[in-house]
């Protein structure tokens, strides 16, 4: 089990006391609460084991873990802003803000309910096809070209080392003596 996902709570250390100071409840009811807490903690640990083994379970809480969609974190003030010189009434502003937020959230939910599964299916098929083409066609073709043009790579490397590199090193040494001093008048 992953150490970062594991809870460090011990059921023996956790105690829930729901009694008032004057209640006459016996220790048996207190033990019932401890037993229920132990059961809950065991179920949570089992869920943690499942979440560390599943690819999709951890994504339920963190839907954008790599911050891919930072540009889509749009608030009302990012879209609509009134300058100081021209202002609408406060009620208009409040209702506009509420309508913006509600419509943004609910239309997103409706559109995703209708289109998320088909788009995910199409994206999965597209990435599967691209992976297949890359693995079975593109990479072997590149390897064949690299194997058959190794002599060309050696020739190009020699041309760079014998002709191009010394020329640019000479130009760099000539230009290294030039200094520019800027003064403000």
N, C-alpha and C. Protein backbone atom coordinates (compact mmCIF):
# COMPACT_ATOMS: atom_id res chain seq x y z
N UNK A 1 0.85 -1.18 0.00
CA UNK A 1 0.00 0.00 0.00
C UNK A 1 0.89 1.23 0.00
N UNK A 2 0.53 2.20 -0.76
CA UNK A 2 1.30 3.44 -0.87
C UNK A 2 1.26 4.19 0.44
N UNK A 3 2.42 4.63 0.93
CA UNK A 3 2.52 5.30 2.21
C UNK A 3 1.85 6.66 2.23
N UNK A 4 1.79 7.34 1.08
CA UNK A 4 1.19 8.66 1.06
C UNK A 4 -0.33 8.57 1.06
N UNK A 5 -0.86 7.48 0.55
CA UNK A 5 -2.30 7.35 0.50
C UNK A 5 -2.86 6.71 1.77
N UNK A 6 -2.02 6.09 2.58
CA UNK A 6 -2.47 5.37 3.76
C UNK A 6 -2.76 6.34 4.90
N UNK A 7 -3.86 6.12 5.58
CA UNK A 7 -4.19 6.97 6.71
C UNK A 7 -3.44 6.49 7.93
N UNK A 8 -2.98 7.43 8.73
CA UNK A 8 -2.21 7.08 9.91
C UNK A 8 -3.07 7.09 11.17
N UNK A 9 -4.37 6.96 11.02
CA UNK A 9 -5.26 6.96 12.18
C UNK A 9 -5.32 5.56 12.76
N UNK A 10 -5.28 5.46 14.04
CA UNK A 10 -5.40 4.18 14.72
C UNK A 10 -6.72 4.19 15.46
N UNK A 11 -7.52 3.15 15.24
CA UNK A 11 -8.86 3.12 15.84
C UNK A 11 -8.80 3.08 17.35
N UNK A 12 -7.74 2.53 17.92
CA UNK A 12 -7.63 2.45 19.37
C UNK A 12 -7.37 3.82 19.98
N UNK A 13 -6.76 4.72 19.22
CA UNK A 13 -6.46 6.05 19.74
C UNK A 13 -7.63 7.01 19.59
N UNK A 14 -8.53 6.72 18.69
CA UNK A 14 -9.65 7.60 18.42
C UNK A 14 -10.81 7.23 19.33
N UNK A 15 -11.36 8.22 19.97
CA UNK A 15 -12.45 7.97 20.90
C UNK A 15 -13.50 9.05 20.72
N UNK A 16 -14.76 8.63 20.59
CA UNK A 16 -15.85 9.58 20.46
C UNK A 16 -16.67 9.50 21.73
N UNK A 17 -16.82 10.63 22.38
CA UNK A 17 -17.59 10.68 23.62
C UNK A 17 -18.76 11.62 23.39
N UNK A 18 -19.97 11.04 23.26
CA UNK A 18 -21.15 11.83 22.99
C UNK A 18 -21.95 12.09 24.27
N UNK A 19 -21.43 11.70 25.37
CA UNK A 19 -22.15 11.86 26.64
C UNK A 19 -21.91 13.24 27.22
N UNK A 20 -22.92 13.74 27.91
CA UNK A 20 -22.73 14.91 28.74
C UNK A 20 -22.10 14.45 30.03
N UNK A 21 -21.60 15.38 30.80
CA UNK A 21 -20.96 15.03 32.06
C UNK A 21 -21.94 14.38 33.03
N UNK A 22 -23.23 14.70 32.94
CA UNK A 22 -24.21 14.18 33.89
C UNK A 22 -24.90 12.93 33.40
N UNK A 23 -24.62 12.47 32.14
CA UNK A 23 -25.29 11.28 31.63
C UNK A 23 -24.83 10.04 32.37
N UNK A 24 -25.70 9.08 32.47
CA UNK A 24 -25.36 7.84 33.16
C UNK A 24 -25.17 6.69 32.20
N UNK A 25 -24.70 6.95 30.97
CA UNK A 25 -24.52 5.87 29.99
C UNK A 25 -23.39 4.98 30.44
N UNK A 26 -23.53 3.72 30.14
CA UNK A 26 -22.49 2.79 30.56
C UNK A 26 -21.43 2.66 29.47
N UNK A 27 -20.36 1.94 29.80
CA UNK A 27 -19.22 1.80 28.90
C UNK A 27 -19.54 0.94 27.68
N UNK A 28 -20.61 0.16 27.74
CA UNK A 28 -20.94 -0.70 26.62
C UNK A 28 -21.37 0.13 25.40
N UNK A 29 -22.14 1.18 25.60
CA UNK A 29 -22.54 2.04 24.49
C UNK A 29 -21.35 2.78 23.92
N UNK A 30 -20.39 3.15 24.78
CA UNK A 30 -19.19 3.81 24.30
C UNK A 30 -18.38 2.85 23.43
N UNK A 31 -18.35 1.58 23.80
CA UNK A 31 -17.65 0.58 23.01
C UNK A 31 -18.34 0.40 21.65
N UNK A 32 -19.67 0.57 21.60
CA UNK A 32 -20.39 0.47 20.33
C UNK A 32 -19.91 1.55 19.37
N UNK A 33 -19.74 2.78 19.88
CA UNK A 33 -19.23 3.87 19.04
C UNK A 33 -17.83 3.56 18.54
N UNK A 34 -16.99 2.99 19.39
CA UNK A 34 -15.63 2.64 18.97
C UNK A 34 -15.67 1.58 17.89
N UNK A 35 -16.54 0.59 18.04
CA UNK A 35 -16.64 -0.48 17.05
C UNK A 35 -17.12 0.08 15.71
N UNK A 36 -18.09 1.00 15.74
CA UNK A 36 -18.57 1.61 14.50
C UNK A 36 -17.47 2.43 13.84
N UNK A 37 -16.69 3.14 14.64
CA UNK A 37 -15.59 3.93 14.10
C UNK A 37 -14.53 3.03 13.47
N UNK A 38 -14.23 1.91 14.13
CA UNK A 38 -13.26 0.98 13.56
C UNK A 38 -13.75 0.45 12.22
N UNK A 39 -15.04 0.16 12.11
CA UNK A 39 -15.60 -0.34 10.85
C UNK A 39 -15.48 0.71 9.75
N UNK A 40 -15.78 1.96 10.09
CA UNK A 40 -15.67 3.05 9.11
C UNK A 40 -14.22 3.22 8.66
N UNK A 41 -13.29 3.17 9.62
CA UNK A 41 -11.87 3.33 9.27
C UNK A 41 -11.38 2.18 8.40
N UNK A 42 -11.84 0.97 8.67
CA UNK A 42 -11.44 -0.17 7.85
C UNK A 42 -11.98 -0.03 6.43
N UNK A 43 -13.24 0.45 6.30
CA UNK A 43 -13.80 0.66 4.97
C UNK A 43 -13.04 1.74 4.22
N UNK A 44 -12.63 2.81 4.91
CA UNK A 44 -11.87 3.87 4.26
C UNK A 44 -10.51 3.36 3.81
N UNK A 45 -9.87 2.51 4.62
CA UNK A 45 -8.58 1.94 4.23
C UNK A 45 -8.74 1.04 3.02
N UNK A 46 -9.85 0.26 2.96
CA UNK A 46 -10.10 -0.57 1.79
C UNK A 46 -10.30 0.30 0.55
N UNK A 47 -11.02 1.43 0.69
CA UNK A 47 -11.20 2.34 -0.43
C UNK A 47 -9.86 2.93 -0.87
N UNK A 48 -8.97 3.23 0.11
CA UNK A 48 -7.65 3.75 -0.24
C UNK A 48 -6.86 2.73 -1.04
N UNK A 49 -6.97 1.45 -0.68
CA UNK A 49 -6.28 0.40 -1.43
C UNK A 49 -6.82 0.37 -2.85
N UNK A 50 -8.13 0.48 -3.00
CA UNK A 50 -8.74 0.49 -4.33
C UNK A 50 -8.28 1.71 -5.11
N UNK A 51 -8.24 2.86 -4.45
CA UNK A 51 -7.87 4.09 -5.17
C UNK A 51 -6.42 4.08 -5.61
N UNK A 52 -5.55 3.37 -4.91
CA UNK A 52 -4.16 3.30 -5.35
C UNK A 52 -3.99 2.31 -6.49
N UNK A 53 -4.94 1.38 -6.64
CA UNK A 53 -4.83 0.39 -7.70
C UNK A 53 -5.57 0.82 -8.96
N UNK A 54 -6.49 1.75 -8.86
CA UNK A 54 -7.30 2.18 -9.98
C UNK A 54 -6.66 3.37 -10.68
N UNK A 55 -6.87 3.46 -11.99
CA UNK A 55 -6.36 4.59 -12.75
C UNK A 55 -7.30 5.78 -12.69
N UNK A 56 -8.60 5.52 -12.56
CA UNK A 56 -9.56 6.61 -12.64
C UNK A 56 -10.04 7.09 -11.27
N UNK A 57 -9.96 6.29 -10.24
CA UNK A 57 -10.49 6.68 -8.93
C UNK A 57 -9.83 7.94 -8.38
N UNK A 58 -8.49 8.08 -8.42
CA UNK A 58 -7.90 9.31 -7.88
C UNK A 58 -8.29 10.56 -8.66
N UNK A 59 -8.70 10.42 -9.91
CA UNK A 59 -9.04 11.57 -10.73
C UNK A 59 -10.40 12.16 -10.38
N UNK A 60 -11.17 11.46 -9.56
CA UNK A 60 -12.48 11.99 -9.18
C UNK A 60 -12.32 13.27 -8.38
N UNK A 61 -11.34 13.33 -7.49
CA UNK A 61 -11.13 14.52 -6.67
C UNK A 61 -10.32 15.58 -7.38
N UNK A 62 -9.29 15.19 -8.08
CA UNK A 62 -8.42 16.14 -8.78
C UNK A 62 -8.60 15.90 -10.27
N UNK A 63 -9.42 16.72 -10.91
CA UNK A 63 -9.77 16.48 -12.30
C UNK A 63 -8.78 17.08 -13.28
N UNK A 64 -7.96 18.00 -12.84
CA UNK A 64 -6.96 18.63 -13.71
C UNK A 64 -5.62 18.62 -12.99
N UNK A 65 -5.05 17.43 -12.73
CA UNK A 65 -3.84 17.35 -11.89
C UNK A 65 -2.63 18.03 -12.51
N UNK A 66 -2.57 18.12 -13.82
CA UNK A 66 -1.41 18.74 -14.48
C UNK A 66 -1.67 20.19 -14.86
N UNK A 67 -2.78 20.73 -14.42
CA UNK A 67 -3.14 22.13 -14.67
C UNK A 67 -3.15 22.44 -16.17
N UNK A 68 -3.73 21.53 -16.95
CA UNK A 68 -3.80 21.70 -18.40
C UNK A 68 -4.76 22.82 -18.76
N UNK A 69 -5.84 22.95 -18.02
CA UNK A 69 -6.89 23.90 -18.37
C UNK A 69 -6.89 25.14 -17.49
N UNK A 70 -5.73 25.67 -17.19
CA UNK A 70 -5.63 26.89 -16.39
C UNK A 70 -6.34 28.05 -17.08
N UNK A 71 -6.31 28.08 -18.41
CA UNK A 71 -6.90 29.19 -19.15
C UNK A 71 -8.43 29.18 -19.08
N UNK A 72 -9.03 28.06 -18.66
CA UNK A 72 -10.49 27.98 -18.60
C UNK A 72 -11.04 28.29 -17.22
N UNK A 73 -10.20 28.66 -16.30
CA UNK A 73 -10.69 29.05 -14.98
C UNK A 73 -11.14 30.51 -15.07
N UNK A 74 -12.33 30.68 -15.59
CA UNK A 74 -12.86 32.00 -15.89
C UNK A 74 -13.88 32.37 -14.82
N UNK A 75 -13.75 33.56 -14.30
CA UNK A 75 -14.75 34.06 -13.37
C UNK A 75 -15.53 35.18 -14.04
N UNK A 76 -16.59 35.61 -13.40
CA UNK A 76 -17.45 36.66 -13.94
C UNK A 76 -16.67 37.93 -14.22
N UNK A 77 -15.77 38.30 -13.30
CA UNK A 77 -14.99 39.53 -13.45
C UNK A 77 -14.01 39.47 -14.61
N UNK A 78 -13.63 38.25 -15.04
CA UNK A 78 -12.73 38.11 -16.18
C UNK A 78 -13.46 38.37 -17.50
N UNK A 79 -14.78 38.19 -17.50
CA UNK A 79 -15.55 38.33 -18.73
C UNK A 79 -16.25 39.68 -18.79
N UNK A 80 -16.88 40.07 -17.70
CA UNK A 80 -17.66 41.31 -17.67
C UNK A 80 -17.07 42.23 -16.61
N UNK A 81 -16.75 43.44 -17.02
CA UNK A 81 -16.21 44.42 -16.07
C UNK A 81 -16.73 45.79 -16.45
N UNK A 82 -17.23 46.49 -15.47
CA UNK A 82 -17.72 47.84 -15.70
C UNK A 82 -16.68 48.85 -15.24
N UNK A 83 -16.39 49.84 -16.07
CA UNK A 83 -15.45 50.87 -15.61
C UNK A 83 -16.10 51.73 -14.53
N UNK A 84 -15.29 52.48 -13.84
CA UNK A 84 -15.78 53.33 -12.75
C UNK A 84 -16.73 54.39 -13.28
N UNK A 85 -16.47 54.89 -14.49
CA UNK A 85 -17.26 56.00 -15.03
C UNK A 85 -18.67 55.57 -15.43
N UNK A 86 -18.89 54.31 -15.78
CA UNK A 86 -20.20 53.83 -16.21
C UNK A 86 -20.55 52.61 -15.36
N UNK A 87 -21.63 52.73 -14.59
CA UNK A 87 -22.01 51.62 -13.72
C UNK A 87 -23.50 51.37 -13.80
N UNK A 88 -23.86 50.10 -13.76
CA UNK A 88 -25.28 49.75 -13.70
C UNK A 88 -25.67 49.67 -12.22
N UNK A 89 -26.93 49.42 -11.97
CA UNK A 89 -27.40 49.31 -10.60
C UNK A 89 -26.81 48.08 -9.91
N UNK A 90 -26.74 48.13 -8.61
CA UNK A 90 -26.17 47.01 -7.86
C UNK A 90 -26.96 45.73 -8.06
N UNK A 91 -28.30 45.84 -8.10
CA UNK A 91 -29.13 44.64 -8.30
C UNK A 91 -28.87 44.03 -9.67
N UNK A 92 -28.70 44.86 -10.68
CA UNK A 92 -28.40 44.36 -12.03
C UNK A 92 -27.08 43.60 -12.01
N UNK A 93 -26.09 44.17 -11.34
CA UNK A 93 -24.78 43.53 -11.26
C UNK A 93 -24.86 42.19 -10.53
N UNK A 94 -25.57 42.16 -9.42
CA UNK A 94 -25.69 40.93 -8.63
C UNK A 94 -26.43 39.85 -9.41
N UNK A 95 -27.55 40.21 -10.05
CA UNK A 95 -28.31 39.23 -10.82
C UNK A 95 -27.54 38.79 -12.06
N UNK A 96 -26.81 39.68 -12.69
CA UNK A 96 -25.98 39.30 -13.83
C UNK A 96 -24.91 38.30 -13.42
N UNK A 97 -24.29 38.57 -12.29
CA UNK A 97 -23.26 37.67 -11.78
C UNK A 97 -23.86 36.30 -11.47
N UNK A 98 -25.01 36.29 -10.81
CA UNK A 98 -25.65 35.01 -10.46
C UNK A 98 -26.06 34.26 -11.72
N UNK A 99 -26.65 34.95 -12.69
CA UNK A 99 -27.07 34.31 -13.93
C UNK A 99 -25.87 33.76 -14.71
N UNK A 100 -24.79 34.52 -14.74
CA UNK A 100 -23.57 34.06 -15.41
C UNK A 100 -23.07 32.76 -14.79
N UNK A 101 -22.94 32.74 -13.47
CA UNK A 101 -22.39 31.56 -12.79
C UNK A 101 -23.31 30.35 -12.96
N UNK A 102 -24.61 30.55 -12.76
CA UNK A 102 -25.55 29.43 -12.87
C UNK A 102 -25.59 28.90 -14.29
N UNK A 103 -25.67 29.78 -15.28
CA UNK A 103 -25.73 29.31 -16.66
C UNK A 103 -24.42 28.64 -17.07
N UNK A 104 -23.29 29.16 -16.63
CA UNK A 104 -22.00 28.55 -16.96
C UNK A 104 -21.91 27.14 -16.40
N UNK A 105 -22.28 26.97 -15.15
CA UNK A 105 -22.18 25.66 -14.50
C UNK A 105 -23.19 24.68 -15.09
N UNK A 106 -24.45 25.10 -15.22
CA UNK A 106 -25.48 24.15 -15.66
C UNK A 106 -25.37 23.82 -17.14
N UNK A 107 -25.03 24.78 -17.99
CA UNK A 107 -24.86 24.44 -19.39
C UNK A 107 -23.65 23.53 -19.59
N UNK A 108 -22.60 23.75 -18.80
CA UNK A 108 -21.45 22.84 -18.87
C UNK A 108 -21.88 21.44 -18.46
N UNK A 109 -22.63 21.33 -17.39
CA UNK A 109 -23.10 20.01 -16.93
C UNK A 109 -23.99 19.35 -17.97
N UNK A 110 -24.90 20.09 -18.58
CA UNK A 110 -25.80 19.52 -19.58
C UNK A 110 -25.01 19.08 -20.81
N UNK A 111 -24.12 19.93 -21.29
CA UNK A 111 -23.32 19.59 -22.47
C UNK A 111 -22.44 18.38 -22.20
N UNK A 112 -21.80 18.34 -21.02
CA UNK A 112 -20.96 17.18 -20.72
C UNK A 112 -21.79 15.92 -20.54
N UNK A 113 -22.99 16.04 -19.97
CA UNK A 113 -23.85 14.85 -19.83
C UNK A 113 -24.21 14.30 -21.20
N UNK A 114 -24.42 15.18 -22.17
CA UNK A 114 -24.80 14.73 -23.51
C UNK A 114 -23.61 14.28 -24.36
N UNK A 115 -22.49 14.99 -24.25
CA UNK A 115 -21.40 14.78 -25.20
C UNK A 115 -20.11 14.18 -24.62
N UNK A 116 -19.96 14.13 -23.32
CA UNK A 116 -18.68 13.69 -22.74
C UNK A 116 -18.35 12.25 -23.12
N UNK A 117 -19.31 11.37 -23.02
CA UNK A 117 -19.04 9.96 -23.33
C UNK A 117 -18.73 9.76 -24.81
N UNK A 118 -19.53 10.31 -25.74
CA UNK A 118 -19.16 10.13 -27.16
C UNK A 118 -17.82 10.77 -27.53
N UNK A 119 -17.54 11.95 -26.99
CA UNK A 119 -16.27 12.60 -27.29
C UNK A 119 -15.11 11.80 -26.70
N UNK A 120 -15.30 11.27 -25.49
CA UNK A 120 -14.26 10.43 -24.88
C UNK A 120 -14.02 9.18 -25.71
N UNK A 121 -15.10 8.59 -26.21
CA UNK A 121 -14.97 7.41 -27.06
C UNK A 121 -14.19 7.75 -28.33
N UNK A 122 -14.55 8.86 -28.98
CA UNK A 122 -13.83 9.27 -30.19
C UNK A 122 -12.37 9.60 -29.90
N UNK A 123 -12.12 10.29 -28.78
CA UNK A 123 -10.74 10.61 -28.42
C UNK A 123 -9.94 9.34 -28.14
N UNK A 124 -10.56 8.38 -27.46
CA UNK A 124 -9.88 7.11 -27.20
C UNK A 124 -9.54 6.38 -28.48
N UNK A 125 -10.49 6.34 -29.41
CA UNK A 125 -10.24 5.69 -30.71
C UNK A 125 -9.13 6.43 -31.46
N UNK A 126 -9.19 7.76 -31.47
CA UNK A 126 -8.16 8.55 -32.15
C UNK A 126 -6.78 8.28 -31.57
N UNK A 127 -6.65 8.31 -30.23
CA UNK A 127 -5.35 8.07 -29.63
C UNK A 127 -4.89 6.63 -29.84
N UNK A 128 -5.82 5.68 -29.88
CA UNK A 128 -5.45 4.30 -30.17
C UNK A 128 -4.91 4.17 -31.59
N UNK A 129 -5.57 4.81 -32.55
CA UNK A 129 -5.11 4.76 -33.94
C UNK A 129 -3.75 5.44 -34.08
N UNK A 130 -3.60 6.63 -33.44
CA UNK A 130 -2.31 7.32 -33.51
C UNK A 130 -1.19 6.49 -32.87
N UNK A 131 -1.49 5.85 -31.74
CA UNK A 131 -0.49 4.99 -31.10
C UNK A 131 -0.13 3.82 -32.00
N UNK A 132 -1.13 3.20 -32.61
CA UNK A 132 -0.88 2.08 -33.51
C UNK A 132 0.00 2.50 -34.68
N UNK A 133 -0.35 3.64 -35.31
CA UNK A 133 0.42 4.13 -36.45
C UNK A 133 1.85 4.46 -36.03
N UNK A 134 2.00 5.09 -34.86
CA UNK A 134 3.35 5.45 -34.40
C UNK A 134 4.18 4.21 -34.10
N UNK A 135 3.58 3.23 -33.41
CA UNK A 135 4.34 2.04 -33.01
C UNK A 135 4.63 1.13 -34.19
N UNK A 136 3.65 0.89 -35.07
CA UNK A 136 3.81 -0.12 -36.11
C UNK A 136 4.23 0.41 -37.47
N UNK A 137 4.12 1.73 -37.69
CA UNK A 137 4.52 2.28 -38.99
C UNK A 137 5.62 3.33 -38.88
N UNK A 138 5.37 4.37 -38.11
CA UNK A 138 6.30 5.49 -38.07
C UNK A 138 7.66 5.09 -37.50
N UNK A 139 7.69 4.48 -36.32
CA UNK A 139 8.97 4.12 -35.70
C UNK A 139 9.78 3.13 -36.55
N UNK A 140 9.18 2.06 -37.10
CA UNK A 140 9.98 1.18 -37.97
C UNK A 140 10.52 1.89 -39.21
N UNK A 141 9.72 2.78 -39.80
CA UNK A 141 10.20 3.51 -40.98
C UNK A 141 11.39 4.40 -40.63
N UNK A 142 11.29 5.09 -39.51
CA UNK A 142 12.40 5.94 -39.07
C UNK A 142 13.64 5.10 -38.80
N UNK A 143 13.46 3.96 -38.17
CA UNK A 143 14.62 3.08 -37.89
C UNK A 143 15.26 2.58 -39.17
N UNK A 144 14.45 2.22 -40.17
CA UNK A 144 14.99 1.76 -41.46
C UNK A 144 15.79 2.89 -42.10
N UNK A 145 15.26 4.11 -42.08
CA UNK A 145 15.97 5.25 -42.67
C UNK A 145 17.27 5.50 -41.92
N UNK A 146 17.23 5.47 -40.58
CA UNK A 146 18.46 5.70 -39.80
C UNK A 146 19.51 4.63 -40.04
N UNK A 147 19.09 3.39 -40.15
CA UNK A 147 20.05 2.30 -40.39
C UNK A 147 20.68 2.45 -41.78
N UNK A 148 19.88 2.80 -42.79
CA UNK A 148 20.40 2.89 -44.16
C UNK A 148 21.14 4.19 -44.43
N UNK A 149 21.00 5.19 -43.59
CA UNK A 149 21.70 6.46 -43.82
C UNK A 149 22.76 6.73 -42.76
N UNK A 150 23.25 5.69 -42.10
CA UNK A 150 24.29 5.90 -41.10
C UNK A 150 25.55 6.48 -41.72
N UNK A 151 25.87 6.06 -42.95
CA UNK A 151 27.05 6.60 -43.64
C UNK A 151 26.90 8.11 -43.88
N UNK A 152 25.63 8.55 -44.16
CA UNK A 152 25.37 9.96 -44.38
C UNK A 152 25.53 10.75 -43.08
N UNK A 153 25.14 10.16 -41.97
CA UNK A 153 25.32 10.81 -40.67
C UNK A 153 26.81 10.98 -40.36
N UNK A 154 27.59 9.95 -40.66
CA UNK A 154 29.04 10.03 -40.43
C UNK A 154 29.67 11.09 -41.32
N UNK A 155 29.27 11.14 -42.59
CA UNK A 155 29.80 12.14 -43.52
C UNK A 155 29.44 13.55 -43.05
N UNK A 156 28.18 13.78 -42.65
CA UNK A 156 27.74 15.10 -42.19
C UNK A 156 28.48 15.51 -40.93
N UNK A 157 28.68 14.59 -40.02
CA UNK A 157 29.42 14.87 -38.79
C UNK A 157 30.86 15.27 -39.12
N UNK A 158 31.48 14.60 -40.09
CA UNK A 158 32.85 14.95 -40.48
C UNK A 158 32.90 16.33 -41.12
N UNK A 159 31.94 16.66 -41.99
CA UNK A 159 31.88 17.99 -42.62
C UNK A 159 31.75 19.06 -41.55
N UNK A 160 30.88 18.82 -40.56
CA UNK A 160 30.72 19.80 -39.48
C UNK A 160 32.01 19.98 -38.69
N UNK A 161 32.68 18.88 -38.37
CA UNK A 161 33.89 18.95 -37.56
C UNK A 161 35.09 19.52 -38.33
N UNK A 162 35.18 19.27 -39.63
CA UNK A 162 36.36 19.68 -40.40
C UNK A 162 36.20 21.08 -40.99
N UNK A 163 35.02 21.44 -41.47
CA UNK A 163 34.86 22.71 -42.18
C UNK A 163 34.07 23.75 -41.37
N UNK A 164 32.88 23.40 -40.95
CA UNK A 164 31.97 24.38 -40.34
C UNK A 164 32.46 24.81 -38.95
N UNK A 165 32.81 23.87 -38.10
CA UNK A 165 33.22 24.19 -36.73
C UNK A 165 34.44 25.11 -36.69
N UNK A 166 35.54 24.82 -37.42
CA UNK A 166 36.68 25.75 -37.38
C UNK A 166 36.35 27.14 -37.92
N UNK A 167 35.51 27.22 -38.95
CA UNK A 167 35.13 28.52 -39.49
C UNK A 167 34.43 29.36 -38.44
N UNK A 168 33.43 28.80 -37.78
CA UNK A 168 32.68 29.56 -36.78
C UNK A 168 33.51 29.85 -35.53
N UNK A 169 34.45 28.96 -35.20
CA UNK A 169 35.34 29.26 -34.07
C UNK A 169 36.24 30.45 -34.41
N UNK A 170 36.73 30.53 -35.67
CA UNK A 170 37.55 31.67 -36.10
C UNK A 170 36.74 32.96 -36.08
N UNK A 171 35.53 32.92 -36.58
CA UNK A 171 34.67 34.11 -36.56
C UNK A 171 34.40 34.53 -35.12
N UNK A 172 34.19 33.58 -34.24
CA UNK A 172 33.92 33.91 -32.83
C UNK A 172 35.14 34.56 -32.20
N UNK A 173 36.35 34.08 -32.50
CA UNK A 173 37.56 34.70 -31.94
C UNK A 173 37.77 36.10 -32.49
N UNK A 174 37.45 36.31 -33.77
CA UNK A 174 37.57 37.65 -34.35
C UNK A 174 36.58 38.62 -33.70
N UNK A 175 35.38 38.14 -33.47
CA UNK A 175 34.34 39.01 -32.91
C UNK A 175 34.46 39.18 -31.41
N UNK A 176 35.22 38.34 -30.75
CA UNK A 176 35.34 38.46 -29.28
C UNK A 176 36.12 39.70 -28.87
N UNK A 177 36.92 40.25 -29.77
CA UNK A 177 37.66 41.46 -29.45
C UNK A 177 36.83 42.72 -29.58
N UNK A 178 35.67 42.64 -30.15
CA UNK A 178 34.81 43.80 -30.32
C UNK A 178 34.03 44.04 -29.03
N UNK A 179 34.06 45.27 -28.57
CA UNK A 179 33.28 45.60 -27.39
C UNK A 179 32.48 46.86 -27.69
N UNK A 180 31.29 46.93 -27.19
CA UNK A 180 30.40 48.05 -27.41
C UNK A 180 30.10 48.67 -26.06
N UNK A 181 30.31 49.98 -25.98
CA UNK A 181 30.01 50.71 -24.74
C UNK A 181 28.91 51.71 -25.06
N UNK A 182 27.84 51.63 -24.33
CA UNK A 182 26.71 52.54 -24.54
C UNK A 182 26.73 53.60 -23.45
N UNK A 183 26.65 54.84 -23.89
CA UNK A 183 26.58 55.94 -22.91
C UNK A 183 25.35 56.75 -23.20
N UNK A 184 24.78 57.28 -22.16
CA UNK A 184 23.60 58.12 -22.30
C UNK A 184 24.03 59.57 -22.23
N UNK A 185 23.61 60.35 -23.21
CA UNK A 185 24.00 61.75 -23.25
C UNK A 185 22.94 62.62 -22.66
